[in-house]
Amino acid sequence: MLSTLIFALIPIFVTIGLGYLAARRGIFNDQDSKKFVKLVLTFMLPLHVFGGLWSTSRKILIANVPLMGWLMLSMTGCYLIMILIYRFGLHNSRQLATLRAMSVANPSVPFIGSAVLPLLFSTSNSAITIGICSLTVNIIMLPIAFDALSSDRSPWKRLAATFKKPLVIAAVLGFFLTLCGTQMPSQLTSTFDLLGKGAGGVAIFAAGIVLGTRHLSFNQTILGTVLLKNIVFPLIVLLIMWIAGTPAVLRRLVVIALAIPTATMPSTLAIRFGVNEKELASTQFWSTAFSLVTLSAFVLALA
């Protein structure tokens, strides 16, 4: 299992390292990272999300309602609770509180999970887990994040602006088509994959540029976020599921998915909107690095 995790994490470290090296050598700068992120959020990720959601069968969603419920409730509940803690308990700004909360509640299931989960679970269970986590992020988390990051003071204008974002439009449309019982023809897969599949890599490369222009950091705040994401969040969900008497297989799938390190989205949004880019990019790096130990521990403990 350790070798599996190492090989799943190597692409992330290599891509971050290339972005870091490119920045240190002056090939790309801070403004370039913002342009890369704009490309990801405007074109690449919407294509990837739309194709992924539309290719999901409605029958698969219906057959996995318990899995969907636990993942969506866990991620959404953690997200909202952490926003309140960061915003009112720790007195962060609305923008920073939202991105820090997303760093805790949003595991990198589509990227790291796609390499790890199929080795531990069936292909269908892995696919639906990846789909549900992507759905939760794009249908629930992102609209809240875009609303918090908007500079408009009017809630109605913020809401309207949120649902004009290409990423939100793609997620809503893809989910709607799936609920209607339609499924993307296999011949169209490459249409969305050609540009869409590069979204994660470009976003991670942009995070590397940020670290190259500002240097990797590690402090008490970053450590706290990483511990919450990698250990506390999945541990609390494990305890709740154990008390609720959920089947061991379902419990193992949900908890391991949530123990996957933080996704690229918080740092991507931080770069796009200029909110503590160095901290969010560093959080992503350290969460990924520490997951070699923490994720392995959860896998072994739940075996």
C-alpha atoms as a PDB file:
ATOM      1  CA  MET A   1       0.000   0.000   0.000  1.00  0.00           C
ATOM      2  CA  LEU A   2       2.857   2.356   0.795  1.00  0.00           C
ATOM      3  CA  SER A   3       4.334   1.974  -2.688  1.00  0.00           C
ATOM      4  CA  THR A   4       0.886   2.609  -4.195  1.00  0.00           C
ATOM      5  CA  LEU A   5       0.563   5.881  -2.307  1.00  0.00           C
ATOM      6  CA  ILE A   6       4.077   6.932  -3.224  1.00  0.00           C
ATOM      7  CA  PHE A   7       3.436   6.409  -6.925  1.00  0.00           C
ATOM      8  CA  ALA A   8       0.059   8.172  -6.645  1.00  0.00           C
ATOM      9  CA  LEU A   9       1.697  11.214  -5.000  1.00  0.00           C
ATOM     10  CA  ILE A  10       4.833  11.420  -7.165  1.00  0.00           C
ATOM     11  CA  PRO A  11       3.052  13.213 -10.071  1.00  0.00           C
ATOM     12  CA  ILE A  12       1.891  15.951  -7.673  1.00  0.00           C
ATOM     13  CA  PHE A  13       5.361  16.579  -6.240  1.00  0.00           C
ATOM     14  CA  VAL A  14       6.970  16.497  -9.695  1.00  0.00           C
ATOM     15  CA  THR A  15       4.429  18.970 -11.101  1.00  0.00           C
ATOM     16  CA  ILE A  16       4.716  21.314  -8.115  1.00  0.00           C
ATOM     17  CA  GLY A  17       8.491  21.039  -8.386  1.00  0.00           C
ATOM     18  CA  LEU A  18       8.456  21.944 -12.079  1.00  0.00           C
ATOM     19  CA  GLY A  19       6.286  24.980 -11.374  1.00  0.00           C
ATOM     20  CA  TYR A  20       8.604  25.976  -8.531  1.00  0.00           C
ATOM     21  CA  LEU A  21      11.691  25.562 -10.732  1.00  0.00           C
ATOM     22  CA  ALA A  22      10.087  27.519 -13.576  1.00  0.00           C
ATOM     23  CA  ALA A  23       9.372  30.406 -11.207  1.00  0.00           C
ATOM     24  CA  ARG A  24      12.836  30.381  -9.641  1.00  0.00           C
ATOM     25  CA  ARG A  25      14.438  30.450 -13.089  1.00  0.00           C
ATOM     26  CA  GLY A  26      12.222  33.307 -14.218  1.00  0.00           C
ATOM     27  CA  ILE A  27      10.443  31.318 -16.931  1.00  0.00           C
ATOM     28  CA  PHE A  28       7.049  32.078 -15.360  1.00  0.00           C
ATOM     29  CA  ASN A  29       6.062  34.646 -12.766  1.00  0.00           C
ATOM     30  CA  ASP A  30       3.197  35.407 -10.430  1.00  0.00           C
ATOM     31  CA  GLN A  31       1.071  36.917 -13.198  1.00  0.00           C
ATOM     32  CA  ASP A  32       1.538  33.779 -15.286  1.00  0.00           C
ATOM     33  CA  SER A  33       0.193  31.628 -12.433  1.00  0.00           C
ATOM     34  CA  LYS A  34      -2.977  33.740 -12.390  1.00  0.00           C
ATOM     35  CA  LYS A  35      -3.363  33.285 -16.157  1.00  0.00           C
ATOM     36  CA  PHE A  36      -2.922  29.521 -15.837  1.00  0.00           C
ATOM     37  CA  VAL A  37      -5.566  29.416 -13.117  1.00  0.00           C
ATOM     38  CA  LYS A  38      -7.921  31.531 -15.216  1.00  0.00           C
ATOM     39  CA  LEU A  39      -7.507  29.003 -18.035  1.00  0.00           C
ATOM     40  CA  VAL A  40      -8.269  26.162 -15.619  1.00  0.00           C
ATOM     41  CA  LEU A  41     -11.372  27.753 -14.070  1.00  0.00           C
ATOM     42  CA  THR A  42     -12.795  29.171 -17.298  1.00  0.00           C
ATOM     43  CA  PHE A  43     -12.207  26.361 -19.794  1.00  0.00           C
ATOM     44  CA  MET A  44     -10.352  23.244 -18.645  1.00  0.00           C
ATOM     45  CA  LEU A  45     -12.153  22.380 -15.400  1.00  0.00           C
ATOM     46  CA  PRO A  46     -15.678  23.152 -16.709  1.00  0.00           C
ATOM     47  CA  LEU A  47     -15.089  20.736 -19.598  1.00  0.00           C
ATOM     48  CA  HIS A  48     -13.742  18.073 -17.229  1.00  0.00           C
ATOM     49  CA  VAL A  49     -16.582  18.478 -14.713  1.00  0.00           C
ATOM     50  CA  PHE A  50     -19.336  18.533 -17.336  1.00  0.00           C
ATOM     51  CA  GLY A  51     -17.993  15.438 -19.092  1.00  0.00           C
ATOM     52  CA  GLY A  52     -17.509  13.575 -15.828  1.00  0.00           C
ATOM     53  CA  LEU A  53     -20.999  14.298 -14.492  1.00  0.00           C
ATOM     54  CA  TRP A  54     -22.807  13.668 -17.752  1.00  0.00           C
ATOM     55  CA  SER A  55     -21.038  10.329 -18.196  1.00  0.00           C
ATOM     56  CA  THR A  56     -22.355   9.137 -14.809  1.00  0.00           C
ATOM     57  CA  SER A  57     -25.375   6.866 -15.038  1.00  0.00           C
ATOM     58  CA  ARG A  58     -28.506   7.803 -13.089  1.00  0.00           C
ATOM     59  CA  LYS A  59     -28.887   4.133 -12.147  1.00  0.00           C
ATOM     60  CA  ILE A  60     -25.471   4.184 -10.481  1.00  0.00           C
ATOM     61  CA  LEU A  61     -26.430   7.258  -8.457  1.00  0.00           C
ATOM     62  CA  ILE A  62     -29.709   5.687  -7.318  1.00  0.00           C
ATOM     63  CA  ALA A  63     -28.020   2.384  -6.419  1.00  0.00           C
ATOM     64  CA  ASN A  64     -25.489   4.160  -4.197  1.00  0.00           C
ATOM     65  CA  VAL A  65     -27.751   6.479  -2.209  1.00  0.00           C
ATOM     66  CA  PRO A  66     -26.197   5.563   1.212  1.00  0.00           C
ATOM     67  CA  LEU A  67     -22.685   6.227  -0.100  1.00  0.00           C
ATOM     68  CA  MET A  68     -23.844   9.470  -1.695  1.00  0.00           C
ATOM     69  CA  GLY A  69     -25.557  10.561   1.503  1.00  0.00           C
ATOM     70  CA  TRP A  70     -22.555   9.953   3.768  1.00  0.00           C
ATOM     71  CA  LEU A  71     -20.052  11.621   1.441  1.00  0.00           C
ATOM     72  CA  MET A  72     -22.193  14.656   0.637  1.00  0.00           C
ATOM     73  CA  LEU A  73     -23.314  15.213   4.228  1.00  0.00           C
ATOM     74  CA  SER A  74     -19.783  14.749   5.613  1.00  0.00           C
ATOM     75  CA  MET A  75     -18.115  17.100   3.148  1.00  0.00           C
ATOM     76  CA  THR A  76     -20.873  19.735   3.210  1.00  0.00           C
ATOM     77  CA  GLY A  77     -21.249  19.586   6.988  1.00  0.00           C
ATOM     78  CA  CYS A  78     -17.510  19.919   7.560  1.00  0.00           C
ATOM     79  CA  TYR A  79     -17.337  22.788   5.058  1.00  0.00           C
ATOM     80  CA  LEU A  80     -20.110  24.814   6.692  1.00  0.00           C
ATOM     81  CA  ILE A  81     -18.928  24.141  10.255  1.00  0.00           C
ATOM     82  CA  MET A  82     -15.338  25.096   9.432  1.00  0.00           C
ATOM     83  CA  ILE A  83     -16.486  28.303   7.711  1.00  0.00           C
ATOM     84  CA  LEU A  84     -18.290  29.306  10.914  1.00  0.00           C
ATOM     85  CA  ILE A  85     -15.280  28.390  13.092  1.00  0.00           C
ATOM     86  CA  TYR A  86     -12.774  30.268  10.923  1.00  0.00           C
ATOM     87  CA  ARG A  87     -15.102  33.237  10.361  1.00  0.00           C
ATOM     88  CA  PHE A  88     -16.534  33.842  13.830  1.00  0.00           C
ATOM     89  CA  GLY A  89     -14.327  31.772  16.136  1.00  0.00           C
ATOM     90  CA  LEU A  90     -10.970  32.770  14.653  1.00  0.00           C
ATOM     91  CA  HIS A  91     -12.173  36.051  13.093  1.00  0.00           C
ATOM     92  CA  ASN A  92     -10.895  35.364   9.574  1.00  0.00           C
ATOM     93  CA  SER A  93     -12.206  37.346   6.635  1.00  0.00           C
ATOM     94  CA  ARG A  94     -15.124  35.785   4.766  1.00  0.00           C
ATOM     95  CA  GLN A  95     -12.869  34.939   1.807  1.00  0.00           C
ATOM     96  CA  LEU A  96     -10.066  33.383   3.862  1.00  0.00           C
ATOM     97  CA  ALA A  97     -12.475  31.474   6.115  1.00  0.00           C
ATOM     98  CA  THR A  98     -14.124  29.899   3.072  1.00  0.00           C
ATOM     99  CA  LEU A  99     -10.854  28.814   1.445  1.00  0.00           C
ATOM    100  CA  ARG A 100      -9.421  27.424   4.688  1.00  0.00           C
ATOM    101  CA  ALA A 101     -12.668  25.519   5.271  1.00  0.00           C
ATOM    102  CA  MET A 102     -12.496  24.119   1.740  1.00  0.00           C
ATOM    103  CA  SER A 103      -8.925  22.969   2.403  1.00  0.00           C
ATOM    104  CA  VAL A 104     -10.276  20.853   5.275  1.00  0.00           C
ATOM    105  CA  ALA A 105     -13.488  19.570   3.676  1.00  0.00           C
ATOM    106  CA  ASN A 106     -12.379  18.940   0.077  1.00  0.00           C
ATOM    107  CA  PRO A 107     -10.257  15.797  -0.498  1.00  0.00           C
ATOM    108  CA  SER A 108      -8.453  15.351  -3.811  1.00  0.00           C
ATOM    109  CA  VAL A 109     -10.576  12.331  -4.716  1.00  0.00           C
ATOM    110  CA  PRO A 110     -10.716  12.913  -8.515  1.00  0.00           C
ATOM    111  CA  PHE A 111      -6.915  13.171  -8.749  1.00  0.00           C
ATOM    112  CA  ILE A 112      -5.276  11.085  -5.989  1.00  0.00           C
ATOM    113  CA  GLY A 113      -8.385   8.994  -5.368  1.00  0.00           C
ATOM    114  CA  SER A 114      -8.499   7.828  -8.972  1.00  0.00           C
ATOM    115  CA  ALA A 115      -5.078   6.215  -8.421  1.00  0.00           C
ATOM    116  CA  VAL A 116      -5.661   4.838  -4.906  1.00  0.00           C
ATOM    117  CA  LEU A 117      -9.335   3.830  -4.611  1.00  0.00           C
ATOM    118  CA  PRO A 118      -9.468   1.292  -7.503  1.00  0.00           C
ATOM    119  CA  LEU A 119      -6.676  -0.671  -5.813  1.00  0.00           C
ATOM    120  CA  LEU A 120      -8.698  -0.960  -2.592  1.00  0.00           C
ATOM    121  CA  PHE A 121     -12.295  -1.195  -3.818  1.00  0.00           C
ATOM    122  CA  SER A 122     -14.261  -2.336  -6.852  1.00  0.00           C
ATOM    123  CA  THR A 123     -14.143  -0.266 -10.037  1.00  0.00           C
ATOM    124  CA  SER A 124     -17.804   0.730  -9.719  1.00  0.00           C
ATOM    125  CA  ASN A 125     -17.466   1.800  -6.058  1.00  0.00           C
ATOM    126  CA  SER A 126     -14.363   3.832  -6.874  1.00  0.00           C
ATOM    127  CA  ALA A 127     -16.018   5.521  -9.848  1.00  0.00           C
ATOM    128  CA  ILE A 128     -19.157   6.492  -7.959  1.00  0.00           C
ATOM    129  CA  THR A 129     -17.094   7.785  -5.007  1.00  0.00           C
ATOM    130  CA  ILE A 130     -15.093  10.012  -7.334  1.00  0.00           C
ATOM    131  CA  GLY A 131     -18.291  11.182  -9.012  1.00  0.00           C
ATOM    132  CA  ILE A 132     -20.094  11.984  -5.749  1.00  0.00           C
ATOM    133  CA  CYS A 133     -17.147  13.938  -4.339  1.00  0.00           C
ATOM    134  CA  SER A 134     -16.841  15.911  -7.591  1.00  0.00           C
ATOM    135  CA  LEU A 135     -20.577  16.575  -7.536  1.00  0.00           C
ATOM    136  CA  THR A 136     -20.462  17.817  -3.936  1.00  0.00           C
ATOM    137  CA  VAL A 137     -17.599  20.195  -4.648  1.00  0.00           C
ATOM    138  CA  ASN A 138     -19.044  21.633  -7.845  1.00  0.00           C
ATOM    139  CA  ILE A 139     -22.725  21.806  -6.925  1.00  0.00           C
ATOM    140  CA  ILE A 140     -22.457  22.825  -3.255  1.00  0.00           C
ATOM    141  CA  MET A 141     -18.976  24.025  -2.268  1.00  0.00           C
ATOM    142  CA  LEU A 142     -18.055  26.121  -5.287  1.00  0.00           C
ATOM    143  CA  PRO A 143     -21.210  28.301  -5.356  1.00  0.00           C
ATOM    144  CA  ILE A 144     -20.622  29.120  -1.672  1.00  0.00           C
ATOM    145  CA  ALA A 145     -16.952  29.865  -2.372  1.00  0.00           C
ATOM    146  CA  PHE A 146     -17.667  32.070  -5.390  1.00  0.00           C
ATOM    147  CA  ASP A 147     -20.278  33.947  -3.371  1.00  0.00           C
ATOM    148  CA  ALA A 148     -17.769  34.560  -0.544  1.00  0.00           C
ATOM    149  CA  LEU A 149     -15.033  35.625  -2.967  1.00  0.00           C
ATOM    150  CA  SER A 150     -17.268  38.056  -4.838  1.00  0.00           C
ATOM    151  CA  SER A 151     -16.567  41.735  -4.212  1.00  0.00           C
ATOM    152  CA  ASP A 152     -20.223  42.701  -4.673  1.00  0.00           C
ATOM    153  CA  ARG A 153     -22.008  43.562  -1.424  1.00  0.00           C
ATOM    154  CA  SER A 154     -25.490  42.755  -2.705  1.00  0.00           C
ATOM    155  CA  PRO A 155     -26.344  39.090  -1.939  1.00  0.00           C
ATOM    156  CA  TRP A 156     -28.574  38.857  -5.016  1.00  0.00           C
ATOM    157  CA  LYS A 157     -25.854  40.181  -7.311  1.00  0.00           C
ATOM    158  CA  ARG A 158     -23.335  37.786  -5.724  1.00  0.00           C
ATOM    159  CA  LEU A 159     -25.727  34.884  -6.275  1.00  0.00           C
ATOM    160  CA  ALA A 160     -26.323  35.876  -9.886  1.00  0.00           C
ATOM    161  CA  ALA A 161     -22.589  36.242 -10.494  1.00  0.00           C
ATOM    162  CA  THR A 162     -21.932  32.838  -8.918  1.00  0.00           C
ATOM    163  CA  PHE A 163     -24.275  31.018 -11.291  1.00  0.00           C
ATOM    164  CA  LYS A 164     -22.704  32.765 -14.276  1.00  0.00           C
ATOM    165  CA  LYS A 165     -19.350  31.104 -13.542  1.00  0.00           C
ATOM    166  CA  PRO A 166     -18.474  28.536 -16.252  1.00  0.00           C
ATOM    167  CA  LEU A 167     -17.563  25.931 -13.641  1.00  0.00           C
ATOM    168  CA  VAL A 168     -20.894  26.231 -11.824  1.00  0.00           C
ATOM    169  CA  ILE A 169     -22.850  26.224 -15.101  1.00  0.00           C
ATOM    170  CA  ALA A 170     -20.994  23.081 -16.248  1.00  0.00           C
ATOM    171  CA  ALA A 171     -21.657  21.269 -12.955  1.00  0.00           C
ATOM    172  CA  VAL A 172     -25.357  22.154 -12.808  1.00  0.00           C
ATOM    173  CA  LEU A 173     -25.941  21.273 -16.470  1.00  0.00           C
ATOM    174  CA  GLY A 174     -24.047  17.974 -16.215  1.00  0.00           C
ATOM    175  CA  PHE A 175     -25.943  16.952 -13.085  1.00  0.00           C
ATOM    176  CA  PHE A 176     -29.284  17.951 -14.640  1.00  0.00           C
ATOM    177  CA  LEU A 177     -28.631  15.827 -17.742  1.00  0.00           C
ATOM    178  CA  THR A 178     -27.727  12.864 -15.526  1.00  0.00           C
ATOM    179  CA  LEU A 179     -30.899  13.238 -13.441  1.00  0.00           C
ATOM    180  CA  CYS A 180     -32.939  13.357 -16.662  1.00  0.00           C
ATOM    181  CA  GLY A 181     -31.648   9.880 -17.453  1.00  0.00           C
ATOM    182  CA  THR A 182     -29.425  10.859 -20.369  1.00  0.00           C
ATOM    183  CA  GLN A 183     -25.827   9.753 -20.580  1.00  0.00           C
ATOM    184  CA  MET A 184     -22.994  11.149 -22.653  1.00  0.00           C
ATOM    185  CA  PRO A 185     -22.292   9.111 -25.808  1.00  0.00           C
ATOM    186  CA  SER A 186     -18.891   7.447 -25.536  1.00  0.00           C
ATOM    187  CA  GLN A 187     -17.888   9.041 -28.858  1.00  0.00           C
ATOM    188  CA  LEU A 188     -17.925  12.451 -27.166  1.00  0.00           C
ATOM    189  CA  THR A 189     -15.549  11.504 -24.338  1.00  0.00           C
ATOM    190  CA  SER A 190     -12.440  12.825 -26.071  1.00  0.00           C
ATOM    191  CA  THR A 191     -14.203  16.137 -26.746  1.00  0.00           C
ATOM    192  CA  PHE A 192     -14.177  16.934 -23.030  1.00  0.00           C
ATOM    193  CA  ASP A 193     -11.032  14.997 -22.094  1.00  0.00           C
ATOM    194  CA  LEU A 194      -8.612  16.587 -24.563  1.00  0.00           C
ATOM    195  CA  LEU A 195      -8.460  19.871 -22.648  1.00  0.00           C
ATOM    196  CA  GLY A 196     -10.342  18.895 -19.497  1.00  0.00           C
ATOM    197  CA  LYS A 197      -8.018  16.184 -18.202  1.00  0.00           C
ATOM    198  CA  GLY A 198      -5.142  18.631 -17.961  1.00  0.00           C
ATOM    199  CA  ALA A 199      -6.965  20.832 -15.442  1.00  0.00           C
ATOM    200  CA  GLY A 200      -5.484  19.221 -12.333  1.00  0.00           C
ATOM    201  CA  GLY A 201      -1.943  19.280 -13.675  1.00  0.00           C
ATOM    202  CA  VAL A 202      -2.062  22.918 -14.757  1.00  0.00           C
ATOM    203  CA  ALA A 203      -3.583  23.973 -11.419  1.00  0.00           C
ATOM    204  CA  ILE A 204      -0.840  22.141  -9.488  1.00  0.00           C
ATOM    205  CA  PHE A 205       1.827  23.659 -11.758  1.00  0.00           C
ATOM    206  CA  ALA A 206       0.393  27.116 -11.000  1.00  0.00           C
ATOM    207  CA  ALA A 207       0.608  26.342  -7.263  1.00  0.00           C
ATOM    208  CA  GLY A 208       4.275  25.479  -7.799  1.00  0.00           C
ATOM    209  CA  ILE A 209       4.826  28.874  -9.435  1.00  0.00           C
ATOM    210  CA  VAL A 210       3.269  30.543  -6.386  1.00  0.00           C
ATOM    211  CA  LEU A 211       5.606  28.619  -4.079  1.00  0.00           C
ATOM    212  CA  GLY A 212       8.532  29.580  -6.319  1.00  0.00           C
ATOM    213  CA  THR A 213       7.738  33.293  -6.181  1.00  0.00           C
ATOM    214  CA  ARG A 214       6.824  33.343  -2.477  1.00  0.00           C
ATOM    215  CA  HIS A 215       8.672  30.267  -1.064  1.00  0.00           C
ATOM    216  CA  LEU A 216       7.122  27.279   0.681  1.00  0.00           C
ATOM    217  CA  SER A 217       5.994  28.073   4.219  1.00  0.00           C
ATOM    218  CA  PHE A 218       5.058  26.067   7.291  1.00  0.00           C
ATOM    219  CA  ASN A 219       3.501  27.578  10.394  1.00  0.00           C
ATOM    220  CA  GLN A 220       0.960  26.861  13.115  1.00  0.00           C
ATOM    221  CA  THR A 221      -2.007  27.814  10.925  1.00  0.00           C
ATOM    222  CA  ILE A 222      -0.935  25.527   8.083  1.00  0.00           C
ATOM    223  CA  LEU A 223      -0.192  22.691  10.520  1.00  0.00           C
ATOM    224  CA  GLY A 224      -3.647  23.085  12.080  1.00  0.00           C
ATOM    225  CA  THR A 225      -5.390  22.960   8.694  1.00  0.00           C
ATOM    226  CA  VAL A 226      -3.388  19.906   7.612  1.00  0.00           C
ATOM    227  CA  LEU A 227      -4.142  18.039  10.854  1.00  0.00           C
ATOM    228  CA  LEU A 228      -7.838  18.843  10.534  1.00  0.00           C
ATOM    229  CA  LYS A 229      -7.913  17.650   6.919  1.00  0.00           C
ATOM    230  CA  ASN A 230      -5.720  14.563   7.154  1.00  0.00           C
ATOM    231  CA  ILE A 231      -6.678  13.237  10.590  1.00  0.00           C
ATOM    232  CA  VAL A 232      -9.455  14.973  12.530  1.00  0.00           C
ATOM    233  CA  PHE A 233     -12.113  15.219   9.789  1.00  0.00           C
ATOM    234  CA  PRO A 234     -11.994  11.560   8.652  1.00  0.00           C
ATOM    235  CA  LEU A 235     -11.640  10.399  12.271  1.00  0.00           C
ATOM    236  CA  ILE A 236     -14.830  12.229  13.341  1.00  0.00           C
ATOM    237  CA  VAL A 237     -16.745  10.800  10.374  1.00  0.00           C
ATOM    238  CA  LEU A 238     -15.452   7.321  11.262  1.00  0.00           C
ATOM    239  CA  LEU A 239     -16.711   7.724  14.832  1.00  0.00           C
ATOM    240  CA  ILE A 240     -20.144   8.952  13.695  1.00  0.00           C
ATOM    241  CA  MET A 241     -20.507   6.098  11.185  1.00  0.00           C
ATOM    242  CA  TRP A 242     -19.425   3.568  13.811  1.00  0.00           C
ATOM    243  CA  ILE A 243     -22.005   4.887  16.293  1.00  0.00           C
ATOM    244  CA  ALA A 244     -24.657   4.822  13.547  1.00  0.00           C
ATOM    245  CA  GLY A 245     -23.866   1.163  12.885  1.00  0.00           C
ATOM    246  CA  THR A 246     -23.097   1.531   9.188  1.00  0.00           C
ATOM    247  CA  PRO A 247     -21.695  -1.522   7.335  1.00  0.00           C
ATOM    248  CA  ALA A 248     -17.927  -1.881   7.568  1.00  0.00           C
ATOM    249  CA  VAL A 249     -17.444  -1.783   3.777  1.00  0.00           C
ATOM    250  CA  LEU A 250     -19.336   1.504   3.455  1.00  0.00           C
ATOM    251  CA  ARG A 251     -17.517   2.941   6.470  1.00  0.00           C
ATOM    252  CA  ARG A 252     -14.131   2.009   5.024  1.00  0.00           C
ATOM    253  CA  LEU A 253     -14.893   3.521   1.599  1.00  0.00           C
ATOM    254  CA  VAL A 254     -16.185   6.831   2.963  1.00  0.00           C
ATOM    255  CA  VAL A 255     -13.438   7.355   5.552  1.00  0.00           C
ATOM    256  CA  ILE A 256     -10.559   6.493   3.205  1.00  0.00           C
ATOM    257  CA  ALA A 257     -11.982   8.847   0.565  1.00  0.00           C
ATOM    258  CA  LEU A 258     -12.186  11.666   3.116  1.00  0.00           C
ATOM    259  CA  ALA A 259      -8.640  10.934   4.378  1.00  0.00           C
ATOM    260  CA  ILE A 260      -7.200  11.723   0.934  1.00  0.00           C
ATOM    261  CA  PRO A 261      -5.190  15.003   1.090  1.00  0.00           C
ATOM    262  CA  THR A 262      -6.660  18.361   0.195  1.00  0.00           C
ATOM    263  CA  ALA A 263      -7.551  19.154  -3.401  1.00  0.00           C
ATOM    264  CA  THR A 264      -6.152  21.809  -5.740  1.00  0.00           C
ATOM    265  CA  MET A 265      -9.329  23.907  -5.686  1.00  0.00           C
ATOM    266  CA  PRO A 266      -8.599  26.010  -2.540  1.00  0.00           C
ATOM    267  CA  SER A 267      -5.149  27.055  -3.789  1.00  0.00           C
ATOM    268  CA  THR A 268      -6.514  27.549  -7.317  1.00  0.00           C
ATOM    269  CA  LEU A 269      -9.191  29.935  -6.043  1.00  0.00           C
ATOM    270  CA  ALA A 270      -6.664  31.636  -3.753  1.00  0.00           C
ATOM    271  CA  ILE A 271      -4.440  32.393  -6.747  1.00  0.00           C
ATOM    272  CA  ARG A 272      -7.379  33.506  -8.880  1.00  0.00           C
ATOM    273  CA  PHE A 273      -8.746  35.936  -6.276  1.00  0.00           C
ATOM    274  CA  GLY A 274      -5.493  36.897  -4.534  1.00  0.00           C
ATOM    275  CA  VAL A 275      -6.325  35.510  -1.078  1.00  0.00           C
ATOM    276  CA  ASN A 276      -3.329  34.187   0.933  1.00  0.00           C
ATOM    277  CA  GLU A 277      -1.940  32.328  -2.093  1.00  0.00           C
ATOM    278  CA  LYS A 278       1.257  31.282  -0.308  1.00  0.00           C
ATOM    279  CA  GLU A 279      -0.590  29.777   2.656  1.00  0.00           C
ATOM    280  CA  LEU A 280      -3.142  27.846   0.588  1.00  0.00           C
ATOM    281  CA  ALA A 281      -0.515  26.512  -1.832  1.00  0.00           C
ATOM    282  CA  SER A 282       1.710  25.479   1.095  1.00  0.00           C
ATOM    283  CA  THR A 283      -1.268  23.800   2.783  1.00  0.00           C
ATOM    284  CA  GLN A 284      -1.866  21.731  -0.335  1.00  0.00           C
ATOM    285  CA  PHE A 285       1.793  20.697  -0.452  1.00  0.00           C
ATOM    286  CA  TRP A 286       2.060  19.684   3.213  1.00  0.00           C
ATOM    287  CA  SER A 287      -1.306  17.905   3.258  1.00  0.00           C
ATOM    288  CA  THR A 288      -0.124  15.822   0.308  1.00  0.00           C
ATOM    289  CA  ALA A 289       3.277  15.138   1.907  1.00  0.00           C
ATOM    290  CA  PHE A 290       1.818  14.111   5.279  1.00  0.00           C
ATOM    291  CA  SER A 291      -0.803  11.893   3.634  1.00  0.00           C
ATOM    292  CA  LEU A 292       1.908   9.350   2.941  1.00  0.00           C
ATOM    293  CA  VAL A 293       1.700   8.557   6.669  1.00  0.00           C
ATOM    294  CA  THR A 294      -1.876   9.549   7.575  1.00  0.00           C
ATOM    295  CA  LEU A 295      -3.672   7.946   4.620  1.00  0.00           C
ATOM    296  CA  SER A 296      -1.616   4.768   5.002  1.00  0.00           C
ATOM    297  CA  ALA A 297      -2.614   4.643   8.677  1.00  0.00           C
ATOM    298  CA  PHE A 298      -6.320   4.888   7.865  1.00  0.00           C
ATOM    299  CA  VAL A 299      -6.043   2.207   5.174  1.00  0.00           C
ATOM    300  CA  LEU A 300      -4.255  -0.186   7.542  1.00  0.00           C
ATOM    301  CA  ALA A 301      -6.551   0.576  10.494  1.00  0.00           C
ATOM    302  CA  LEU A 302      -9.688  -0.085   8.447  1.00  0.00           C
ATOM    303  CA  ALA A 303      -8.401  -3.174   6.638  1.00  0.00           C
END
